[in-house]
Amino acid sequence: MAMELSKRKLAVTLCLIPALYFAFATAYALAQFDFFASETPQLVRYVVVPGALALACLAVAVFCTAKVGIAVGTNVLAVLAALFAVEAVLTVSVFIAFAGLFGMGAPASNENSENTIQSYVVTGVNNALGVKDLRDALLGGIPREPTLLCSKDGKRIVYTADRFGFNNPDSVYDRKLDTIVVGDSLIEGMCLEPGKDVVSQIRKSYPASSALAKRGSGPLFELAVIGRFGPLLKPRDVFLAFFSGNDWENLSKEYKVPWLQEALYPGTDFGSQTVPLATLEKARRVIANWARAPVTYWDILWRTKIVRNFFALQQVGAALGVAYPKAPPPQPIYEDVLARAQEITTSWGGKLTLIYIPRADRYKGLLPRDFIFDQVRHQVLAAAADLKIDVIDLTVLFQQDPDPRTLYAQDGHFSDRGAAIVAQAIAEHIRMARQTTAWLRERRKAP
């Protein structure tokens, strides 16, 4: 009798452990309902499936014999243990990539290292400065200063910022610009050697091109960038990049910032393109204070949600094709952002084009899941279509590649080859558009 009771307890314990794991996953998804349960695919993946698994394990523990319970519990735990072992291996490489994004892993060996500025999220600096009005906000980096993008393969990736604080040779402004590309870290050139970022490669075909991009930027911040620098530069073409990985969520956060909301208002004072020296000095002090408290490995674990993703088996799920992104809630404000960007651009006779950048996870996994990534894509493309804004949809272009995964680095940004392909697509779009414009001009002249 005692032996049977002991087996029964063991069976219940072995089944309850996975039941609790799946139940906790279900509860977490329900607690984050808007992200993980508000749309049918996410509801099925993050609530229905783990909830059913939890109930199944519980049912085995309660209703099945000890022998069956021990067998089921042991096998389920063995599968979970194997999955977590694989997740641990995959997480190590992801952690190393994220450490590089924070500039860790490479010695400061060049002579300008003491003056090198760690690349940062500009909105965070503005928050530290207590900015209340858009005209007083910093929208670029520190002009003409060496800026650390990341560390990669034991080497620091550094660029010298232009007069506005962006990743361009300052000489690009010696002539009238034809093209600007506005975006976030993918356009800034995160972890790409100088000359290999997207806009540097566009300059091979169209030298008068500039990237106005900083890490962490979202659609509303990028609208402010267009509003401040566009009327001065007056380029023929303005390309506005949308990254599906975080821009939808960034827009939701940015819209809660009062001074960023000002970018949507007609007659807004976007501020001077030349940042006052007093503001730059305050920004330098803020960045210096951050530098004196260097990023630790614990900081990376906290900021990147690696721990949460580990317990969610995120990397394994992505490899299998069962990791779904957060459900994108409707944001009609995005169309307002595009409309305002178009209005500003056309005010000097320029043309706005949207670049849709898919996230790397779209091209990972054994199971097809384009439908889940199209949730945000359809909303973005619909907003552009309503305003008759041209779109370079890189989703279509990347799908034609033999291995789209190679277009991205481990950290989710463009690889060298990915940046080259994107640059080629933008340059080809420019060429075709200008050929069409020239043809229409000649046709109007014809008798």
Protein backbone atom coordinates (compact mmCIF):
# COMPACT_ATOMS: atom_id res chain seq x y z
CA MET A 1 0.00 0.00 0.00
CA ALA A 2 2.78 2.41 0.93
CA MET A 3 4.53 1.64 -2.35
CA GLU A 4 1.37 2.37 -4.34
CA LEU A 5 0.84 5.64 -2.46
CA SER A 6 4.41 6.67 -3.13
CA LYS A 7 4.00 5.94 -6.84
CA ARG A 8 0.77 7.91 -6.86
CA LYS A 9 2.46 10.94 -5.32
CA LEU A 10 5.29 10.68 -7.80
CA ALA A 11 2.84 10.50 -10.71
CA VAL A 12 0.93 13.55 -9.48
CA THR A 13 4.15 15.51 -8.95
CA LEU A 14 5.56 14.64 -12.37
CA CYS A 15 2.30 15.72 -14.05
CA LEU A 16 1.71 18.84 -11.95
CA ILE A 17 5.10 20.39 -12.80
CA PRO A 18 4.38 20.72 -16.53
CA ALA A 19 0.73 21.52 -15.77
CA LEU A 20 1.83 24.49 -13.66
CA TYR A 21 4.26 25.61 -16.37
CA PHE A 22 1.58 25.60 -19.06
CA ALA A 23 -0.96 27.17 -16.69
CA PHE A 24 1.45 29.98 -15.87
CA ALA A 25 2.05 30.60 -19.59
CA THR A 26 -1.70 30.80 -20.13
CA ALA A 27 -2.17 33.17 -17.19
CA TYR A 28 0.64 35.43 -18.44
CA ALA A 29 -0.94 35.62 -21.89
CA LEU A 30 -4.32 36.50 -20.40
CA ALA A 31 -2.73 39.15 -18.18
CA GLN A 32 -1.20 40.64 -21.35
CA PHE A 33 -4.49 40.21 -23.21
CA ASP A 34 -4.04 43.01 -25.77
CA PHE A 35 -0.76 41.53 -26.95
CA PHE A 36 -1.24 37.78 -26.62
CA ALA A 37 -4.97 37.06 -26.72
CA SER A 38 -6.82 39.85 -28.53
CA GLU A 39 -6.38 38.28 -31.99
CA THR A 40 -7.40 34.72 -32.90
CA PRO A 41 -3.92 33.37 -33.83
CA GLN A 42 -2.36 34.69 -30.62
CA LEU A 43 -5.34 33.46 -28.59
CA VAL A 44 -4.98 29.95 -29.97
CA ARG A 45 -1.19 29.89 -29.65
CA TYR A 46 -0.76 31.47 -26.22
CA VAL A 47 -4.02 30.67 -24.40
CA VAL A 48 -5.88 27.75 -25.94
CA VAL A 49 -2.92 25.44 -26.65
CA PRO A 50 -0.98 25.85 -23.38
CA GLY A 51 -4.27 25.89 -21.46
CA ALA A 52 -5.28 22.58 -23.05
CA LEU A 53 -1.86 21.11 -22.26
CA ALA A 54 -2.18 22.22 -18.64
CA LEU A 55 -5.61 20.62 -18.35
CA ALA A 56 -4.39 17.44 -20.04
CA CYS A 57 -1.49 17.07 -17.60
CA LEU A 58 -3.82 17.78 -14.70
CA ALA A 59 -6.34 15.23 -15.96
CA VAL A 60 -3.64 12.56 -16.20
CA ALA A 61 -2.54 13.36 -12.64
CA VAL A 62 -6.08 13.07 -11.29
CA PHE A 63 -7.76 10.36 -13.32
CA CYS A 64 -5.06 8.04 -14.66
CA THR A 65 -3.25 5.26 -12.89
CA ALA A 66 0.09 5.87 -11.22
CA LYS A 67 1.85 3.95 -13.96
CA VAL A 68 0.31 6.08 -16.72
CA GLY A 69 0.88 9.27 -14.74
CA ILE A 70 4.56 8.49 -14.20
CA ALA A 71 5.04 7.63 -17.87
CA VAL A 72 3.26 10.76 -19.14
CA GLY A 73 4.84 13.09 -16.61
CA THR A 74 8.33 11.73 -17.22
CA ASN A 75 8.03 12.06 -21.00
CA VAL A 76 6.56 15.56 -20.89
CA LEU A 77 9.28 16.74 -18.50
CA ALA A 78 11.94 15.11 -20.68
CA VAL A 79 10.64 16.99 -23.72
CA LEU A 80 10.54 20.26 -21.80
CA ALA A 81 14.05 19.69 -20.48
CA ALA A 82 15.34 19.07 -24.00
CA LEU A 83 13.60 22.19 -25.30
CA PHE A 84 15.06 24.30 -22.50
CA ALA A 85 18.53 22.88 -23.20
CA VAL A 86 18.25 23.94 -26.84
CA GLU A 87 16.82 27.30 -25.76
CA ALA A 88 19.83 27.85 -23.50
CA VAL A 89 22.26 27.26 -26.37
CA LEU A 90 20.36 29.60 -28.68
CA THR A 91 20.00 32.24 -25.96
CA VAL A 92 23.76 32.42 -25.45
CA SER A 93 24.29 33.58 -29.05
CA VAL A 94 21.43 36.07 -28.74
CA PHE A 95 22.90 37.40 -25.48
CA ILE A 96 26.30 37.89 -27.10
CA ALA A 97 24.67 39.81 -29.98
CA PHE A 98 22.78 42.06 -27.57
CA ALA A 99 25.93 42.67 -25.54
CA GLY A 100 27.52 43.96 -28.74
CA LEU A 101 24.65 46.38 -29.26
CA PHE A 102 25.47 47.90 -25.88
CA GLY A 103 29.13 48.27 -26.86
CA MET A 104 30.39 45.44 -24.67
CA GLY A 105 33.01 42.91 -25.64
CA ALA A 106 35.62 45.11 -27.33
CA PRO A 107 38.44 47.22 -25.86
CA ALA A 108 38.58 50.97 -26.39
CA SER A 109 41.75 50.96 -28.42
CA ASN A 110 41.59 53.98 -30.73
CA GLU A 111 42.99 57.36 -29.82
CA ASN A 112 39.56 59.02 -29.74
CA SER A 113 38.10 56.43 -27.38
CA GLU A 114 37.84 58.87 -24.46
CA ASN A 115 35.69 61.21 -26.56
CA THR A 116 33.61 58.48 -28.19
CA ILE A 117 29.92 58.76 -27.44
CA GLN A 118 27.86 55.64 -26.89
CA SER A 119 24.97 55.60 -29.36
CA TYR A 120 21.76 56.12 -27.44
CA VAL A 121 17.99 56.44 -27.75
CA VAL A 122 17.46 60.16 -28.27
CA THR A 123 14.06 60.14 -26.58
CA GLY A 124 15.75 58.97 -23.39
CA VAL A 125 18.14 61.93 -23.48
CA ASN A 126 15.23 64.31 -23.99
CA ASN A 127 13.44 62.78 -21.02
CA ALA A 128 16.57 63.29 -18.91
CA LEU A 129 16.77 66.90 -20.10
CA GLY A 130 13.14 67.48 -19.12
CA VAL A 131 12.07 68.58 -22.61
CA LYS A 132 8.54 69.99 -22.73
CA ASP A 133 8.33 71.40 -26.26
CA LEU A 134 9.30 69.87 -29.59
CA ARG A 135 11.29 72.94 -30.60
CA ASP A 136 13.64 72.34 -27.65
CA ALA A 137 14.13 68.61 -28.25
CA LEU A 138 17.27 66.92 -29.48
CA LEU A 139 16.39 64.95 -32.63
CA GLY A 140 19.86 63.75 -33.68
CA GLY A 141 23.12 62.80 -32.06
CA ILE A 142 25.99 65.01 -30.92
CA PRO A 143 27.33 66.70 -34.09
CA ARG A 144 30.82 65.84 -35.37
CA GLU A 145 31.56 63.50 -32.47
CA PRO A 146 32.78 59.89 -32.79
CA THR A 147 29.79 57.68 -31.99
CA LEU A 148 30.00 54.06 -30.88
CA LEU A 149 27.36 51.96 -32.63
CA CYS A 150 28.24 48.60 -31.09
CA SER A 151 30.99 46.05 -30.68
CA LYS A 152 31.26 43.15 -33.09
CA ASP A 153 33.73 40.27 -33.21
CA GLY A 154 35.88 42.03 -30.60
CA LYS A 155 35.94 45.29 -32.57
CA ARG A 156 34.26 48.61 -31.89
CA ILE A 157 32.10 49.97 -34.72
CA VAL A 158 32.38 53.78 -34.64
CA TYR A 159 31.27 56.56 -36.97
CA THR A 160 31.82 60.30 -36.81
CA ALA A 161 28.47 62.09 -36.72
CA ASP A 162 27.68 64.78 -39.29
CA ARG A 163 26.70 68.36 -38.48
CA PHE A 164 23.23 67.19 -37.42
CA GLY A 165 24.41 64.18 -35.43
CA PHE A 166 23.65 61.41 -37.94
CA ASN A 167 25.71 58.68 -39.60
CA ASN A 168 26.83 60.47 -42.77
CA PRO A 169 30.02 62.12 -44.00
CA ASP A 170 29.50 65.81 -43.33
CA SER A 171 30.60 66.59 -46.88
CA VAL A 172 27.29 65.22 -48.17
CA TYR A 173 25.74 68.58 -47.27
CA ASP A 174 28.17 70.48 -49.48
CA ARG A 175 25.71 69.93 -52.31
CA LYS A 176 21.93 70.03 -52.49
CA LEU A 177 20.54 66.74 -51.25
CA ASP A 178 18.48 64.58 -53.58
CA THR A 179 17.48 61.94 -51.06
CA ILE A 180 17.03 61.46 -47.33
CA VAL A 181 16.15 58.18 -45.63
CA VAL A 182 14.54 58.54 -42.21
CA GLY A 183 14.40 55.61 -39.82
CA ASP A 184 15.78 53.83 -36.79
CA SER A 185 18.84 51.68 -36.09
CA LEU A 186 18.42 49.61 -39.26
CA ILE A 187 18.93 52.73 -41.35
CA GLU A 188 21.53 54.17 -38.97
CA GLY A 189 23.60 51.08 -39.76
CA MET A 190 23.64 49.22 -36.47
CA CYS A 191 26.75 47.04 -36.18
CA LEU A 192 27.72 47.54 -39.83
CA GLU A 193 31.22 48.67 -40.73
CA PRO A 194 31.45 52.25 -42.06
CA GLY A 195 30.41 52.32 -45.70
CA LYS A 196 28.29 49.17 -45.47
CA ASP A 197 25.12 50.74 -44.07
CA VAL A 198 22.13 51.20 -46.36
CA VAL A 199 22.53 54.89 -47.21
CA SER A 200 26.31 54.69 -47.68
CA GLN A 201 25.62 52.15 -50.40
CA ILE A 202 22.86 54.26 -51.92
CA ARG A 203 25.46 57.02 -52.26
CA LYS A 204 27.35 54.83 -54.73
CA SER A 205 24.54 55.55 -57.21
CA TYR A 206 23.15 58.78 -55.76
CA PRO A 207 25.91 60.64 -53.89
CA ALA A 208 23.60 63.38 -52.57
CA SER A 209 21.85 61.04 -50.12
CA SER A 210 21.68 61.27 -46.34
CA ALA A 211 20.46 59.04 -43.51
CA LEU A 212 18.53 60.83 -40.77
CA ALA A 213 18.23 57.88 -38.42
CA LYS A 214 18.91 57.01 -34.79
CA ARG A 215 18.38 53.85 -32.77
CA GLY A 216 15.09 53.59 -30.91
CA SER A 217 13.22 55.98 -33.20
CA GLY A 218 9.57 55.32 -33.94
CA PRO A 219 7.11 56.77 -36.50
CA LEU A 220 6.21 59.90 -34.51
CA PHE A 221 9.82 60.74 -33.71
CA GLU A 222 10.73 60.22 -37.36
CA LEU A 223 7.93 62.58 -38.37
CA ALA A 224 9.52 65.20 -36.12
CA VAL A 225 12.87 64.59 -37.87
CA ILE A 226 11.24 65.22 -41.26
CA GLY A 227 9.57 68.34 -39.93
CA ARG A 228 12.81 69.79 -38.59
CA PHE A 229 15.36 68.90 -41.25
CA GLY A 230 13.25 68.46 -44.37
CA PRO A 231 12.42 72.14 -45.00
CA LEU A 232 16.13 73.01 -44.76
CA LEU A 233 17.45 70.18 -46.95
CA LYS A 234 14.49 70.09 -49.39
CA PRO A 235 15.38 66.73 -50.97
CA ARG A 236 13.55 65.50 -54.03
CA ASP A 237 12.85 62.16 -52.32
CA VAL A 238 12.08 61.37 -48.69
CA PHE A 239 12.07 57.70 -47.73
CA LEU A 240 10.43 56.88 -44.42
CA ALA A 241 11.32 53.42 -43.07
CA PHE A 242 8.87 51.38 -41.01
CA PHE A 243 10.35 48.41 -39.14
CA SER A 244 7.72 45.81 -38.29
CA GLY A 245 9.78 44.53 -35.36
CA ASN A 246 8.99 47.40 -32.99
CA ASP A 247 7.68 50.51 -34.77
CA TRP A 248 4.01 49.74 -34.12
CA GLU A 249 4.70 49.41 -30.40
CA ASN A 250 7.02 52.44 -30.48
CA LEU A 251 4.23 54.54 -31.99
CA SER A 252 1.93 53.63 -29.11
CA LYS A 253 4.59 54.75 -26.61
CA GLU A 254 5.53 57.91 -28.51
CA TYR A 255 1.94 59.10 -28.76
CA LYS A 256 1.90 59.35 -24.97
CA VAL A 257 4.72 61.93 -25.10
CA PRO A 258 3.12 65.41 -25.33
CA TRP A 259 6.02 67.13 -27.09
CA LEU A 260 6.10 64.42 -29.76
CA GLN A 261 2.38 64.82 -30.36
CA GLU A 262 3.14 68.37 -31.46
CA ALA A 263 4.61 66.97 -34.69
CA LEU A 264 1.06 66.19 -35.84
CA TYR A 265 -0.24 69.73 -35.44
CA PRO A 266 -0.31 72.21 -38.35
CA GLY A 267 1.99 75.16 -37.80
CA THR A 268 4.17 73.33 -35.29
CA ASP A 269 7.56 74.84 -34.49
CA PHE A 270 9.90 71.89 -35.05
CA GLY A 271 12.90 73.81 -33.75
CA SER A 272 16.21 74.84 -35.23
CA GLN A 273 18.35 72.40 -37.19
CA THR A 274 21.33 73.76 -35.26
CA VAL A 275 21.00 72.67 -31.64
CA PRO A 276 21.92 75.38 -29.11
CA LEU A 277 25.30 74.81 -27.48
CA ALA A 278 23.73 74.85 -24.03
CA THR A 279 21.44 71.94 -24.99
CA LEU A 280 24.35 69.98 -26.46
CA GLU A 281 26.41 70.46 -23.30
CA LYS A 282 23.53 69.25 -21.15
CA ALA A 283 23.10 66.24 -23.45
CA ARG A 284 26.81 65.47 -23.21
CA ARG A 285 26.62 65.51 -19.43
CA VAL A 286 23.63 63.15 -19.48
CA ILE A 287 25.45 60.73 -21.78
CA ALA A 288 28.64 61.02 -19.74
CA ASN A 289 26.73 60.16 -16.58
CA TRP A 290 25.34 57.08 -18.29
CA ALA A 291 28.84 56.13 -19.45
CA ARG A 292 30.17 56.34 -15.88
CA ALA A 293 27.69 53.62 -14.96
CA PRO A 294 28.62 51.10 -17.66
CA VAL A 295 26.10 48.55 -18.81
CA THR A 296 26.39 45.25 -16.99
CA TYR A 297 25.32 41.80 -18.09
CA TRP A 298 22.43 42.06 -15.64
CA ASP A 299 21.31 45.26 -17.37
CA ILE A 300 21.22 43.42 -20.68
CA LEU A 301 19.15 40.62 -19.20
CA TRP A 302 16.69 43.15 -17.82
CA ARG A 303 16.42 45.49 -20.81
CA THR A 304 16.15 42.85 -23.51
CA LYS A 305 13.68 40.52 -21.75
CA ILE A 306 16.00 37.61 -22.43
CA VAL A 307 14.99 35.91 -19.17
CA ARG A 308 11.27 36.14 -19.94
CA ASN A 309 11.88 34.90 -23.47
CA PHE A 310 13.96 32.01 -22.15
CA PHE A 311 11.11 30.70 -20.02
CA ALA A 312 8.74 31.26 -22.94
CA LEU A 313 11.06 29.13 -25.14
CA GLN A 314 11.13 32.05 -27.58
CA GLN A 315 14.16 30.95 -29.62
CA VAL A 316 12.97 27.36 -29.93
CA GLY A 317 9.53 28.61 -30.87
CA ALA A 318 11.00 30.83 -33.57
CA ALA A 319 13.04 27.93 -34.94
CA LEU A 320 9.95 25.73 -35.05
CA GLY A 321 7.73 28.47 -36.44
CA VAL A 322 5.35 28.68 -33.47
CA ALA A 323 6.56 31.93 -31.84
CA TYR A 324 4.08 34.66 -32.72
CA PRO A 325 4.68 38.42 -32.35
CA LYS A 326 2.44 40.56 -30.21
CA ALA A 327 -0.95 41.33 -31.70
CA PRO A 328 -0.87 44.85 -33.18
CA PRO A 329 -3.86 46.86 -31.92
CA PRO A 330 -5.46 49.24 -34.44
CA GLN A 331 -3.72 52.62 -34.44
CA PRO A 332 -5.51 55.07 -36.75
CA ILE A 333 -2.94 57.64 -35.65
CA TYR A 334 -0.42 55.99 -37.97
CA GLU A 335 -2.28 57.24 -41.02
CA ASP A 336 -2.20 60.72 -39.46
CA VAL A 337 1.58 60.40 -39.12
CA LEU A 338 1.91 59.45 -42.79
CA ALA A 339 -0.46 62.23 -43.88
CA ARG A 340 1.50 64.83 -41.93
CA ALA A 341 4.82 63.53 -43.31
CA GLN A 342 3.40 63.70 -46.81
CA GLU A 343 2.10 67.22 -46.23
CA ILE A 344 5.48 68.44 -44.98
CA THR A 345 7.36 66.74 -47.81
CA THR A 346 5.13 68.11 -50.56
CA SER A 347 5.45 71.62 -49.10
CA TRP A 348 8.83 71.98 -50.88
CA GLY A 349 7.91 69.80 -53.84
CA GLY A 350 9.36 66.55 -52.51
CA LYS A 351 7.90 63.07 -52.69
CA LEU A 352 7.37 60.72 -49.75
CA THR A 353 7.92 56.96 -50.15
CA LEU A 354 7.39 54.38 -47.40
CA ILE A 355 9.86 51.52 -46.91
CA TYR A 356 8.32 48.53 -45.15
CA ILE A 357 11.00 46.44 -43.40
CA PRO A 358 9.95 42.96 -42.23
CA ARG A 359 11.40 41.51 -39.05
CA ALA A 360 13.92 38.68 -39.20
CA ASP A 361 11.62 36.20 -37.43
CA ARG A 362 9.33 36.18 -40.46
CA TYR A 363 11.89 34.09 -42.31
CA LYS A 364 12.68 31.65 -39.51
CA GLY A 365 10.90 28.47 -38.53
CA LEU A 366 9.73 25.18 -39.96
CA LEU A 367 6.04 26.09 -40.07
CA PRO A 368 4.66 28.81 -42.38
CA ARG A 369 3.44 31.84 -40.45
CA ASP A 370 3.39 34.78 -42.85
CA PHE A 371 -0.23 35.37 -41.82
CA ILE A 372 0.81 36.32 -38.30
CA PHE A 373 3.39 38.85 -39.47
CA ASP A 374 0.93 40.31 -41.95
CA GLN A 375 -1.26 41.58 -39.11
CA VAL A 376 0.76 44.78 -38.79
CA ARG A 377 1.88 44.79 -42.43
CA HIS A 378 -1.66 45.02 -43.73
CA GLN A 379 -2.45 47.96 -41.45
CA VAL A 380 0.68 49.85 -42.52
CA LEU A 381 0.19 49.21 -46.24
CA ALA A 382 -3.51 50.11 -46.00
CA ALA A 383 -2.64 53.47 -44.43
CA ALA A 384 -0.16 54.18 -47.23
CA ALA A 385 -2.65 53.10 -49.89
CA ASP A 386 -5.34 55.43 -48.51
CA LEU A 387 -2.92 58.34 -48.94
CA LYS A 388 -1.60 57.10 -52.31
CA ILE A 389 1.93 56.92 -50.93
CA ASP A 390 4.37 54.72 -52.85
CA VAL A 391 5.70 51.74 -50.90
CA ILE A 392 8.87 49.69 -51.19
CA ASP A 393 7.68 46.48 -49.55
CA LEU A 394 10.85 44.60 -48.68
CA THR A 395 8.76 41.62 -47.62
CA VAL A 396 8.19 40.75 -51.26
CA LEU A 397 11.81 41.38 -52.19
CA PHE A 398 13.22 39.31 -49.33
CA GLN A 399 10.92 36.38 -50.10
CA GLN A 400 12.58 36.08 -53.49
CA ASP A 401 15.97 35.54 -51.88
CA PRO A 402 17.21 31.91 -51.66
CA ASP A 403 17.81 32.33 -47.92
CA PRO A 404 16.22 35.49 -46.45
CA ARG A 405 17.68 34.67 -43.04
CA THR A 406 21.12 35.68 -44.28
CA LEU A 407 19.85 39.21 -44.87
CA TYR A 408 19.81 39.73 -41.10
CA ALA A 409 22.49 39.58 -38.43
CA GLN A 410 22.05 37.64 -35.20
CA ASP A 411 20.74 40.76 -33.44
CA GLY A 412 17.92 41.22 -35.97
CA HIS A 413 19.47 44.15 -37.83
CA PHE A 414 20.61 43.98 -41.45
CA SER A 415 23.64 41.94 -42.35
CA ASP A 416 26.12 43.34 -44.86
CA ARG A 417 24.30 41.57 -47.66
CA GLY A 418 20.90 42.61 -46.39
CA ALA A 419 21.89 46.29 -46.28
CA ALA A 420 23.30 46.02 -49.81
CA ILE A 421 20.06 44.53 -51.15
CA VAL A 422 17.96 47.19 -49.45
CA ALA A 423 20.19 49.95 -50.84
CA GLN A 424 19.90 48.47 -54.30
CA ALA A 425 16.09 48.37 -54.02
CA ILE A 426 15.91 52.02 -52.98
CA ALA A 427 18.35 53.10 -55.69
CA GLU A 428 16.34 51.20 -58.30
CA HIS A 429 13.14 52.85 -57.07
CA ILE A 430 14.77 56.27 -57.41
CA ARG A 431 16.00 55.44 -60.91
CA MET A 432 12.61 54.22 -62.11
CA ALA A 433 10.76 57.14 -60.58
CA ARG A 434 13.07 59.68 -62.18
CA GLN A 435 12.91 57.96 -65.54
CA THR A 436 9.12 58.14 -65.35
CA THR A 437 9.23 61.81 -64.38
CA ALA A 438 11.57 62.59 -67.28
CA TRP A 439 9.34 60.68 -69.71
CA LEU A 440 6.24 62.56 -68.56
CA ARG A 441 8.10 65.86 -68.87
CA GLU A 442 9.11 65.05 -72.45
CA ARG A 443 5.63 63.94 -73.30
CA ARG A 444 4.17 67.25 -72.12
CA LYS A 445 6.65 69.09 -74.36
CA ALA A 446 5.70 67.03 -77.41
CA PRO A 447 3.32 68.78 -79.85
